[in-house]
Amino acid sequence: MQVLRWLLRIIAILAILMGLLWIGQGTGLILWPSSSFMLAQPKWAVNGSILAGVGVIVLLLLRGRRS
């Protein structure tokens, strides 16, 4: 069970980081890679916010269920 918790934590952290990247690309703050279709597209900032939010929720749920 402990391995599953660590795996979920890693996935949640990666979701947060990817969400932040999508927010940066969608808002035009991060223009990398230059050929990305996500650059300056507000839809991707919203998608990134949702993904990062899900990651935060998973981390909070895991924190609340310590045993």
Protein backbone atom coordinates (compact mmCIF):
# COMPACT_ATOMS: atom_id res chain seq x y z
CA MET A 1 0.00 0.00 0.00
CA GLN A 2 2.91 2.33 0.74
CA VAL A 3 4.23 1.89 -2.82
CA LEU A 4 0.86 2.92 -4.23
CA ARG A 5 0.86 6.07 -2.09
CA TRP A 6 4.32 7.06 -3.30
CA LEU A 7 3.30 6.40 -6.89
CA LEU A 8 0.19 8.56 -6.49
CA ARG A 9 2.29 11.34 -4.94
CA ILE A 10 4.71 11.28 -7.86
CA ILE A 11 1.86 11.35 -10.38
CA ALA A 12 0.18 14.23 -8.50
CA ILE A 13 3.40 16.26 -8.43
CA LEU A 14 3.95 15.63 -12.15
CA ALA A 15 0.34 16.72 -12.82
CA ILE A 16 0.95 19.96 -10.92
CA LEU A 17 4.17 20.66 -12.80
CA MET A 18 2.61 19.88 -16.17
CA GLY A 19 -0.41 22.02 -15.29
CA LEU A 20 1.85 24.94 -14.44
CA LEU A 21 3.67 24.50 -17.77
CA TRP A 22 0.34 24.51 -19.62
CA ILE A 23 -0.73 27.65 -17.75
CA GLY A 24 2.51 29.36 -18.72
CA GLN A 25 2.19 28.32 -22.35
CA GLY A 26 -1.50 29.19 -22.54
CA THR A 27 -0.95 32.66 -21.15
CA GLY A 28 2.10 33.25 -23.32
CA LEU A 29 4.54 33.50 -20.42
CA ILE A 30 6.43 30.38 -21.51
CA LEU A 31 7.11 30.29 -25.24
CA TRP A 32 8.74 26.89 -25.30
CA PRO A 33 8.88 24.92 -27.50
CA SER A 34 8.46 27.57 -30.16
CA SER A 35 6.49 25.21 -32.42
CA SER A 36 3.90 24.31 -29.75
CA PHE A 37 0.24 24.71 -30.68
CA MET A 38 -0.52 25.65 -27.05
CA LEU A 39 1.27 29.00 -27.04
CA ALA A 40 -0.94 32.00 -26.18
CA GLN A 41 -4.09 29.84 -26.27
CA PRO A 42 -6.23 30.64 -23.19
CA LYS A 43 -7.90 27.24 -23.43
CA TRP A 44 -4.61 25.63 -22.37
CA ALA A 45 -4.29 27.95 -19.39
CA VAL A 46 -7.71 26.69 -18.24
CA ASN A 47 -6.77 23.06 -18.91
CA GLY A 48 -3.53 23.57 -16.98
CA SER A 49 -5.39 25.06 -14.04
CA ILE A 50 -7.69 22.06 -13.92
CA LEU A 51 -4.80 19.59 -14.13
CA ALA A 52 -2.80 21.38 -11.44
CA GLY A 53 -5.91 21.58 -9.25
CA VAL A 54 -6.49 17.85 -9.55
CA GLY A 55 -2.86 17.24 -8.57
CA VAL A 56 -3.23 19.45 -5.49
CA ILE A 57 -6.44 17.69 -4.47
CA VAL A 58 -4.79 14.27 -4.75
CA LEU A 59 -1.86 15.44 -2.62
CA LEU A 60 -4.23 16.86 0.00
CA LEU A 61 -6.25 13.66 0.08
CA LEU A 62 -3.10 11.59 0.51
CA ARG A 63 -1.91 13.89 3.29
CA GLY A 64 -5.21 13.54 5.13
CA ARG A 65 -5.08 9.73 5.05
CA ARG A 66 -1.79 9.13 6.86
CA SER A 67 -1.50 5.81 8.54
